[in-house]
Amino acid sequence: MTEFEVMYINETDSTNCWLREHVSDGNVAVVADYQTAGRGCGANGWESERGKNLLFSVLIHPGWVRAGEQFFLSMAVSNAIRRTLDFYLLPRSEVKWPNDIYVGDGKMCGILIENKLQGNCIKDCIMGIGVNVNQRSFRNDAPNPVSMVQVAGGSEFDREHVLNRVLQEFADILDHWDPAVIGREYRQHLYRRNGFHAYTDSAGTFMAEMVDVEDDGHLVLCDESGLYRRYAFKEVRFMS
């Protein structure tokens, strides 16, 4: 059975960086009260009030996962966090492609994954995870952050309990690794998976419905003219 060693630190630039610099073996989760340079994908920042949210990174060594199958790791951790949020919250959570976790139209969790290859397989995988837990207000220009405490109507959550639940769910997925099951669960809970919605790409804004997220992570849309469009991450953006 998969077990995680959990380390707690007060402050760091980012938990992903801390893990990469200090740990190389074992399944390890490092949790920080505060990140001075927490980030989302690309150049995006991640706002978190000190001591209020769950900021952690997980290191695993999934040598059974081939390089071409690495998006299943993103699906797997997204499923684990979504299951955790559904355990605590009445409103159902969804996965906004590729791996943001939404409740309604608010972003509750962001995930940043860094893989290190050895040959054709994944040697090391570091997953940086930020869950908005007990923060009641957000001050930066992120358009739609939301926290567990806001959705729950003001009742705060035990962050360590939430962490343990995430690790439990993730360990269960790893121990029963089945790409078909992982992919099916992920696709069943995609944000805006039904109906036509607005998207924008390099050519402009258009209406389309979601067709699929492929095993390698590409998003497939069908626009109102019946044209199928296939996108890698950052090539298309959801519109509000």
C-alpha atoms as a PDB file:
ATOM      1  CA  MET A   1       0.000   0.000   0.000  1.00  0.00           C
ATOM      2  CA  THR A   2       1.172   3.495  -0.825  1.00  0.00           C
ATOM      3  CA  GLU A   3       2.052   5.590   2.220  1.00  0.00           C
ATOM      4  CA  PHE A   4       3.317   9.147   2.361  1.00  0.00           C
ATOM      5  CA  GLU A   5       5.847  10.659   4.711  1.00  0.00           C
ATOM      6  CA  VAL A   6       4.521  14.111   5.588  1.00  0.00           C
ATOM      7  CA  MET A   7       6.900  16.983   6.336  1.00  0.00           C
ATOM      8  CA  TYR A   8       5.827  20.377   7.675  1.00  0.00           C
ATOM      9  CA  ILE A   9       7.678  23.621   7.067  1.00  0.00           C
ATOM     10  CA  ASN A  10       6.749  27.141   8.073  1.00  0.00           C
ATOM     11  CA  GLU A  11       7.649  29.037   4.897  1.00  0.00           C
ATOM     12  CA  THR A  12       9.299  28.453   1.542  1.00  0.00           C
ATOM     13  CA  ASP A  13       9.393  29.992  -1.905  1.00  0.00           C
ATOM     14  CA  SER A  14       7.433  27.043  -3.287  1.00  0.00           C
ATOM     15  CA  THR A  15       6.857  23.541  -2.003  1.00  0.00           C
ATOM     16  CA  ASN A  16       7.681  22.113  -5.435  1.00  0.00           C
ATOM     17  CA  CYS A  17      11.114  23.748  -5.300  1.00  0.00           C
ATOM     18  CA  TRP A  18      11.641  22.655  -1.700  1.00  0.00           C
ATOM     19  CA  LEU A  19      10.902  19.021  -2.535  1.00  0.00           C
ATOM     20  CA  ARG A  20      13.097  19.087  -5.606  1.00  0.00           C
ATOM     21  CA  GLU A  21      16.034  20.483  -3.592  1.00  0.00           C
ATOM     22  CA  HIS A  22      15.701  18.443  -0.388  1.00  0.00           C
ATOM     23  CA  VAL A  23      14.096  15.067  -1.164  1.00  0.00           C
ATOM     24  CA  SER A  24      14.864  12.435  -3.782  1.00  0.00           C
ATOM     25  CA  ASP A  25      13.537   9.131  -2.427  1.00  0.00           C
ATOM     26  CA  GLY A  26      10.256   7.806  -1.116  1.00  0.00           C
ATOM     27  CA  ASN A  27       6.700   9.038  -1.365  1.00  0.00           C
ATOM     28  CA  VAL A  28       6.774  12.392   0.399  1.00  0.00           C
ATOM     29  CA  ALA A  29       4.369  15.267   0.979  1.00  0.00           C
ATOM     30  CA  VAL A  30       5.709  18.615   2.176  1.00  0.00           C
ATOM     31  CA  VAL A  31       3.259  21.150   3.609  1.00  0.00           C
ATOM     32  CA  ALA A  32       3.935  24.861   4.102  1.00  0.00           C
ATOM     33  CA  ASP A  33       1.997  27.468   6.048  1.00  0.00           C
ATOM     34  CA  TYR A  34       3.082  30.087   3.536  1.00  0.00           C
ATOM     35  CA  GLN A  35       4.712  30.329   0.111  1.00  0.00           C
ATOM     36  CA  THR A  36       6.598  33.451  -0.896  1.00  0.00           C
ATOM     37  CA  ALA A  37       6.573  32.510  -4.579  1.00  0.00           C
ATOM     38  CA  GLY A  38       3.650  30.151  -4.967  1.00  0.00           C
ATOM     39  CA  ARG A  39       2.664  29.856  -8.583  1.00  0.00           C
ATOM     40  CA  GLY A  40       0.174  28.337 -10.897  1.00  0.00           C
ATOM     41  CA  CYS A  41       0.899  27.228 -14.415  1.00  0.00           C
ATOM     42  CA  GLY A  42       3.131  29.455 -16.515  1.00  0.00           C
ATOM     43  CA  ALA A  43       3.626  32.864 -14.946  1.00  0.00           C
ATOM     44  CA  ASN A  44       0.423  32.776 -12.914  1.00  0.00           C
ATOM     45  CA  GLY A  45       0.655  33.475  -9.193  1.00  0.00           C
ATOM     46  CA  TRP A  46      -1.268  31.808  -6.388  1.00  0.00           C
ATOM     47  CA  GLU A  47      -2.594  34.014  -3.603  1.00  0.00           C
ATOM     48  CA  SER A  48      -2.770  32.435  -0.166  1.00  0.00           C
ATOM     49  CA  GLU A  49      -3.141  34.038   3.237  1.00  0.00           C
ATOM     50  CA  ARG A  50      -0.640  32.705   5.783  1.00  0.00           C
ATOM     51  CA  GLY A  51      -1.951  29.729   7.747  1.00  0.00           C
ATOM     52  CA  LYS A  52      -5.338  29.662   6.046  1.00  0.00           C
ATOM     53  CA  ASN A  53      -5.036  27.311   3.108  1.00  0.00           C
ATOM     54  CA  LEU A  54      -3.515  23.983   2.188  1.00  0.00           C
ATOM     55  CA  LEU A  55      -0.236  24.433   0.303  1.00  0.00           C
ATOM     56  CA  PHE A  56       1.647  21.222  -0.354  1.00  0.00           C
ATOM     57  CA  SER A  57       3.585  19.192  -2.860  1.00  0.00           C
ATOM     58  CA  VAL A  58       3.716  15.445  -3.302  1.00  0.00           C
ATOM     59  CA  LEU A  59       6.648  13.449  -4.660  1.00  0.00           C
ATOM     60  CA  ILE A  60       6.045   9.999  -6.142  1.00  0.00           C
ATOM     61  CA  HIS A  61       8.061   7.709  -8.411  1.00  0.00           C
ATOM     62  CA  PRO A  62       5.580   6.242 -10.928  1.00  0.00           C
ATOM     63  CA  GLY A  63       7.988   4.181 -12.988  1.00  0.00           C
ATOM     64  CA  TRP A  64       5.070   2.184 -14.374  1.00  0.00           C
ATOM     65  CA  VAL A  65       3.761   5.273 -16.204  1.00  0.00           C
ATOM     66  CA  ARG A  66       5.174   5.839 -19.670  1.00  0.00           C
ATOM     67  CA  ALA A  67       6.061   9.307 -20.885  1.00  0.00           C
ATOM     68  CA  GLY A  68       3.171   9.273 -23.353  1.00  0.00           C
ATOM     69  CA  GLU A  69       0.752   8.407 -20.541  1.00  0.00           C
ATOM     70  CA  GLN A  70       1.802  11.114 -18.098  1.00  0.00           C
ATOM     71  CA  PHE A  71      -1.496  12.977 -18.321  1.00  0.00           C
ATOM     72  CA  PHE A  72      -3.041  10.095 -16.376  1.00  0.00           C
ATOM     73  CA  LEU A  73      -1.089  11.377 -13.368  1.00  0.00           C
ATOM     74  CA  SER A  74      -2.800  14.743 -13.785  1.00  0.00           C
ATOM     75  CA  MET A  75      -6.156  13.002 -14.065  1.00  0.00           C
ATOM     76  CA  ALA A  76      -5.423  10.872 -11.000  1.00  0.00           C
ATOM     77  CA  VAL A  77      -4.536  13.710  -8.645  1.00  0.00           C
ATOM     78  CA  SER A  78      -7.457  15.777  -9.971  1.00  0.00           C
ATOM     79  CA  ASN A  79      -9.779  12.889  -9.154  1.00  0.00           C
ATOM     80  CA  ALA A  80      -8.321  12.565  -5.658  1.00  0.00           C
ATOM     81  CA  ILE A  81      -8.826  16.250  -4.841  1.00  0.00           C
ATOM     82  CA  ARG A  82     -12.300  16.359  -6.352  1.00  0.00           C
ATOM     83  CA  ARG A  83     -13.316  13.326  -4.276  1.00  0.00           C
ATOM     84  CA  THR A  84     -11.960  15.039  -1.179  1.00  0.00           C
ATOM     85  CA  LEU A  85     -13.871  18.245  -1.778  1.00  0.00           C
ATOM     86  CA  ASP A  86     -17.058  16.292  -2.442  1.00  0.00           C
ATOM     87  CA  PHE A  87     -16.562  14.536   0.905  1.00  0.00           C
ATOM     88  CA  TYR A  88     -16.644  17.881   2.728  1.00  0.00           C
ATOM     89  CA  LEU A  89     -18.896  20.066   0.580  1.00  0.00           C
ATOM     90  CA  LEU A  90     -22.475  19.724  -0.591  1.00  0.00           C
ATOM     91  CA  PRO A  91     -21.930  21.551  -3.929  1.00  0.00           C
ATOM     92  CA  ARG A  92     -20.272  19.137  -6.320  1.00  0.00           C
ATOM     93  CA  SER A  93     -16.800  19.944  -7.580  1.00  0.00           C
ATOM     94  CA  GLU A  94     -15.631  19.592 -11.173  1.00  0.00           C
ATOM     95  CA  VAL A  95     -12.328  19.525 -13.034  1.00  0.00           C
ATOM     96  CA  LYS A  96     -11.693  22.438 -15.352  1.00  0.00           C
ATOM     97  CA  TRP A  97      -9.367  21.151 -18.060  1.00  0.00           C
ATOM     98  CA  PRO A  98      -6.599  20.398 -17.593  1.00  0.00           C
ATOM     99  CA  ASN A  99      -6.493  20.234 -13.780  1.00  0.00           C
ATOM    100  CA  ASP A 100      -8.079  23.142 -11.930  1.00  0.00           C
ATOM    101  CA  ILE A 101     -10.756  22.133  -9.450  1.00  0.00           C
ATOM    102  CA  TYR A 102     -13.914  24.249  -9.542  1.00  0.00           C
ATOM    103  CA  VAL A 103     -16.963  24.506  -7.338  1.00  0.00           C
ATOM    104  CA  GLY A 104     -19.635  26.221  -9.366  1.00  0.00           C
ATOM    105  CA  ASP A 105     -17.756  28.858 -11.371  1.00  0.00           C
ATOM    106  CA  GLY A 106     -15.122  29.419  -8.680  1.00  0.00           C
ATOM    107  CA  LYS A 107     -11.598  28.017  -8.634  1.00  0.00           C
ATOM    108  CA  MET A 108     -10.921  26.194  -5.368  1.00  0.00           C
ATOM    109  CA  CYS A 109      -7.744  24.302  -6.230  1.00  0.00           C
ATOM    110  CA  GLY A 110      -4.819  24.614  -8.617  1.00  0.00           C
ATOM    111  CA  ILE A 111      -2.310  21.908  -9.485  1.00  0.00           C
ATOM    112  CA  LEU A 112       1.171  22.221 -10.982  1.00  0.00           C
ATOM    113  CA  ILE A 113       2.874  18.993 -12.093  1.00  0.00           C
ATOM    114  CA  GLU A 114       6.559  18.538 -12.904  1.00  0.00           C
ATOM    115  CA  ASN A 115       7.749  15.197 -14.283  1.00  0.00           C
ATOM    116  CA  LYS A 116      11.273  13.868 -14.643  1.00  0.00           C
ATOM    117  CA  LEU A 117      11.777  11.190 -17.259  1.00  0.00           C
ATOM    118  CA  GLN A 118      14.099   8.196 -17.232  1.00  0.00           C
ATOM    119  CA  GLY A 119      14.079   6.620 -20.647  1.00  0.00           C
ATOM    120  CA  ASN A 120      10.454   6.268 -21.692  1.00  0.00           C
ATOM    121  CA  CYS A 121       9.041   6.271 -18.156  1.00  0.00           C
ATOM    122  CA  ILE A 122       8.316   8.764 -15.384  1.00  0.00           C
ATOM    123  CA  LYS A 123      11.088   8.584 -12.787  1.00  0.00           C
ATOM    124  CA  ASP A 124       9.901  11.360 -10.477  1.00  0.00           C
ATOM    125  CA  CYS A 125       6.663  13.297 -10.349  1.00  0.00           C
ATOM    126  CA  ILE A 126       6.209  16.368  -8.157  1.00  0.00           C
ATOM    127  CA  MET A 127       2.661  17.657  -7.812  1.00  0.00           C
ATOM    128  CA  GLY A 128       2.214  21.099  -6.309  1.00  0.00           C
ATOM    129  CA  ILE A 129      -1.276  21.601  -4.928  1.00  0.00           C
ATOM    130  CA  GLY A 130      -2.981  24.670  -3.522  1.00  0.00           C
ATOM    131  CA  VAL A 131      -6.438  24.285  -1.983  1.00  0.00           C
ATOM    132  CA  ASN A 132      -8.332  27.358  -0.789  1.00  0.00           C
ATOM    133  CA  VAL A 133      -9.574  26.186   2.608  1.00  0.00           C
ATOM    134  CA  ASN A 134     -10.185  28.889   5.218  1.00  0.00           C
ATOM    135  CA  GLN A 135      -9.407  32.137   3.382  1.00  0.00           C
ATOM    136  CA  ARG A 136     -12.434  34.429   3.483  1.00  0.00           C
ATOM    137  CA  SER A 137     -11.376  37.124   0.994  1.00  0.00           C
ATOM    138  CA  PHE A 138      -9.012  37.383  -1.958  1.00  0.00           C
ATOM    139  CA  ARG A 139      -7.271  40.588  -2.954  1.00  0.00           C
ATOM    140  CA  ASN A 140      -5.346  39.896  -6.154  1.00  0.00           C
ATOM    141  CA  ASP A 141      -6.678  40.100  -9.697  1.00  0.00           C
ATOM    142  CA  ALA A 142      -7.484  36.413 -10.090  1.00  0.00           C
ATOM    143  CA  PRO A 143     -11.002  36.461 -11.527  1.00  0.00           C
ATOM    144  CA  ASN A 144     -12.793  33.763  -9.575  1.00  0.00           C
ATOM    145  CA  PRO A 145     -11.128  32.269  -6.468  1.00  0.00           C
ATOM    146  CA  VAL A 146     -13.368  30.574  -3.916  1.00  0.00           C
ATOM    147  CA  SER A 147     -12.602  28.710  -0.697  1.00  0.00           C
ATOM    148  CA  MET A 148     -14.125  25.829   1.205  1.00  0.00           C
ATOM    149  CA  VAL A 149     -15.085  28.117   4.079  1.00  0.00           C
ATOM    150  CA  GLN A 150     -16.916  30.481   1.718  1.00  0.00           C
ATOM    151  CA  VAL A 151     -18.884  27.660   0.128  1.00  0.00           C
ATOM    152  CA  ALA A 152     -19.635  26.092   3.523  1.00  0.00           C
ATOM    153  CA  GLY A 153     -21.120  29.320   4.855  1.00  0.00           C
ATOM    154  CA  GLY A 154     -18.393  30.262   7.310  1.00  0.00           C
ATOM    155  CA  SER A 155     -17.510  26.995   9.077  1.00  0.00           C
ATOM    156  CA  GLU A 156     -13.736  26.492   9.057  1.00  0.00           C
ATOM    157  CA  PHE A 157     -12.029  23.203   8.210  1.00  0.00           C
ATOM    158  CA  ASP A 158      -9.120  21.333   9.781  1.00  0.00           C
ATOM    159  CA  ARG A 159      -6.417  21.652   7.127  1.00  0.00           C
ATOM    160  CA  GLU A 160      -4.546  18.559   8.309  1.00  0.00           C
ATOM    161  CA  HIS A 161      -7.716  16.516   8.048  1.00  0.00           C
ATOM    162  CA  VAL A 162      -8.228  17.749   4.494  1.00  0.00           C
ATOM    163  CA  LEU A 163      -4.600  16.912   3.645  1.00  0.00           C
ATOM    164  CA  ASN A 164      -4.909  13.397   5.025  1.00  0.00           C
ATOM    165  CA  ARG A 165      -8.076  12.841   3.027  1.00  0.00           C
ATOM    166  CA  VAL A 166      -6.375  13.949  -0.215  1.00  0.00           C
ATOM    167  CA  LEU A 167      -3.406  11.638   0.426  1.00  0.00           C
ATOM    168  CA  GLN A 168      -5.740   8.769   1.280  1.00  0.00           C
ATOM    169  CA  GLU A 169      -7.719   9.201  -1.928  1.00  0.00           C
ATOM    170  CA  PHE A 170      -4.563   9.576  -4.013  1.00  0.00           C
ATOM    171  CA  ALA A 171      -2.951   6.495  -2.450  1.00  0.00           C
ATOM    172  CA  ASP A 172      -6.065   4.483  -3.224  1.00  0.00           C
ATOM    173  CA  ILE A 173      -5.904   5.512  -6.888  1.00  0.00           C
ATOM    174  CA  LEU A 174      -2.190   4.659  -7.098  1.00  0.00           C
ATOM    175  CA  ASP A 175      -2.705   1.282  -5.416  1.00  0.00           C
ATOM    176  CA  HIS A 176      -5.464   0.352  -7.866  1.00  0.00           C
ATOM    177  CA  TRP A 177      -3.910   1.998 -10.910  1.00  0.00           C
ATOM    178  CA  ASP A 178      -6.196   1.591 -13.897  1.00  0.00           C
ATOM    179  CA  PRO A 179      -5.908   4.207 -16.653  1.00  0.00           C
ATOM    180  CA  ALA A 180      -9.347   3.364 -18.061  1.00  0.00           C
ATOM    181  CA  VAL A 181     -11.029   3.898 -14.680  1.00  0.00           C
ATOM    182  CA  ILE A 182      -9.023   7.056 -13.978  1.00  0.00           C
ATOM    183  CA  GLY A 183      -9.849   8.540 -17.371  1.00  0.00           C
ATOM    184  CA  ARG A 184     -13.532   7.689 -17.133  1.00  0.00           C
ATOM    185  CA  GLU A 185     -13.906   9.329 -13.701  1.00  0.00           C
ATOM    186  CA  TYR A 186     -12.017  12.410 -14.854  1.00  0.00           C
ATOM    187  CA  ARG A 187     -14.164  12.859 -17.970  1.00  0.00           C
ATOM    188  CA  GLN A 188     -17.419  12.330 -16.073  1.00  0.00           C
ATOM    189  CA  HIS A 189     -16.657  15.329 -13.860  1.00  0.00           C
ATOM    190  CA  LEU A 190     -15.358  17.867 -16.352  1.00  0.00           C
ATOM    191  CA  TYR A 191     -16.390  21.481 -15.942  1.00  0.00           C
ATOM    192  CA  ARG A 192     -18.732  22.599 -18.756  1.00  0.00           C
ATOM    193  CA  ARG A 193     -18.779  19.117 -20.227  1.00  0.00           C
ATOM    194  CA  ASN A 194     -22.348  19.583 -21.505  1.00  0.00           C
ATOM    195  CA  GLY A 195     -23.700  22.170 -23.923  1.00  0.00           C
ATOM    196  CA  PHE A 196     -22.123  25.002 -25.889  1.00  0.00           C
ATOM    197  CA  HIS A 197     -19.845  27.464 -24.133  1.00  0.00           C
ATOM    198  CA  ALA A 198     -17.575  30.317 -25.158  1.00  0.00           C
ATOM    199  CA  TYR A 199     -13.872  29.700 -25.799  1.00  0.00           C
ATOM    200  CA  THR A 200     -11.100  31.794 -27.264  1.00  0.00           C
ATOM    201  CA  ASP A 201      -7.997  30.806 -29.206  1.00  0.00           C
ATOM    202  CA  SER A 202      -5.450  32.641 -31.346  1.00  0.00           C
ATOM    203  CA  ALA A 203      -8.129  33.308 -33.975  1.00  0.00           C
ATOM    204  CA  GLY A 204     -10.722  34.749 -31.613  1.00  0.00           C
ATOM    205  CA  THR A 205     -13.784  33.774 -29.591  1.00  0.00           C
ATOM    206  CA  PHE A 206     -16.160  31.002 -30.621  1.00  0.00           C
ATOM    207  CA  MET A 207     -18.900  28.762 -29.208  1.00  0.00           C
ATOM    208  CA  ALA A 208     -18.245  25.052 -28.921  1.00  0.00           C
ATOM    209  CA  GLU A 209     -19.173  21.956 -26.995  1.00  0.00           C
ATOM    210  CA  MET A 210     -16.689  19.629 -25.348  1.00  0.00           C
ATOM    211  CA  VAL A 211     -16.158  16.342 -27.181  1.00  0.00           C
ATOM    212  CA  ASP A 212     -13.324  14.718 -25.251  1.00  0.00           C
ATOM    213  CA  VAL A 213     -10.103  15.096 -23.348  1.00  0.00           C
ATOM    214  CA  GLU A 214      -7.705  12.657 -24.968  1.00  0.00           C
ATOM    215  CA  ASP A 215      -5.393  10.402 -22.991  1.00  0.00           C
ATOM    216  CA  ASP A 216      -2.451  12.673 -23.779  1.00  0.00           C
ATOM    217  CA  GLY A 217      -4.316  15.711 -22.436  1.00  0.00           C
ATOM    218  CA  HIS A 218      -5.499  17.359 -25.659  1.00  0.00           C
ATOM    219  CA  LEU A 219      -8.930  18.990 -25.479  1.00  0.00           C
ATOM    220  CA  VAL A 220     -11.281  18.263 -28.382  1.00  0.00           C
ATOM    221  CA  LEU A 221     -14.110  20.719 -29.077  1.00  0.00           C
ATOM    222  CA  CYS A 222     -16.802  20.880 -31.744  1.00  0.00           C
ATOM    223  CA  ASP A 223     -17.877  24.385 -32.729  1.00  0.00           C
ATOM    224  CA  GLU A 224     -21.299  25.515 -33.932  1.00  0.00           C
ATOM    225  CA  SER A 225     -20.389  24.840 -37.575  1.00  0.00           C
ATOM    226  CA  GLY A 226     -19.538  21.232 -36.766  1.00  0.00           C
ATOM    227  CA  LEU A 227     -15.777  21.774 -37.021  1.00  0.00           C
ATOM    228  CA  TYR A 228     -13.690  19.715 -34.619  1.00  0.00           C
ATOM    229  CA  ARG A 229     -10.865  21.606 -32.912  1.00  0.00           C
ATOM    230  CA  ARG A 230      -8.031  19.967 -30.980  1.00  0.00           C
ATOM    231  CA  TYR A 231      -5.946  21.925 -28.466  1.00  0.00           C
ATOM    232  CA  ALA A 232      -2.937  21.467 -26.241  1.00  0.00           C
ATOM    233  CA  PHE A 233      -2.784  23.277 -22.909  1.00  0.00           C
ATOM    234  CA  LYS A 234      -2.583  27.085 -23.245  1.00  0.00           C
ATOM    235  CA  GLU A 235      -3.792  26.989 -26.872  1.00  0.00           C
ATOM    236  CA  VAL A 236      -7.400  27.684 -25.883  1.00  0.00           C
ATOM    237  CA  ARG A 237      -9.069  29.425 -22.990  1.00  0.00           C
ATOM    238  CA  PHE A 238     -12.494  29.171 -21.376  1.00  0.00           C
ATOM    239  CA  MET A 239     -14.448  32.425 -21.417  1.00  0.00           C
ATOM    240  CA  SER A 240     -16.555  33.540 -18.446  1.00  0.00           C
END
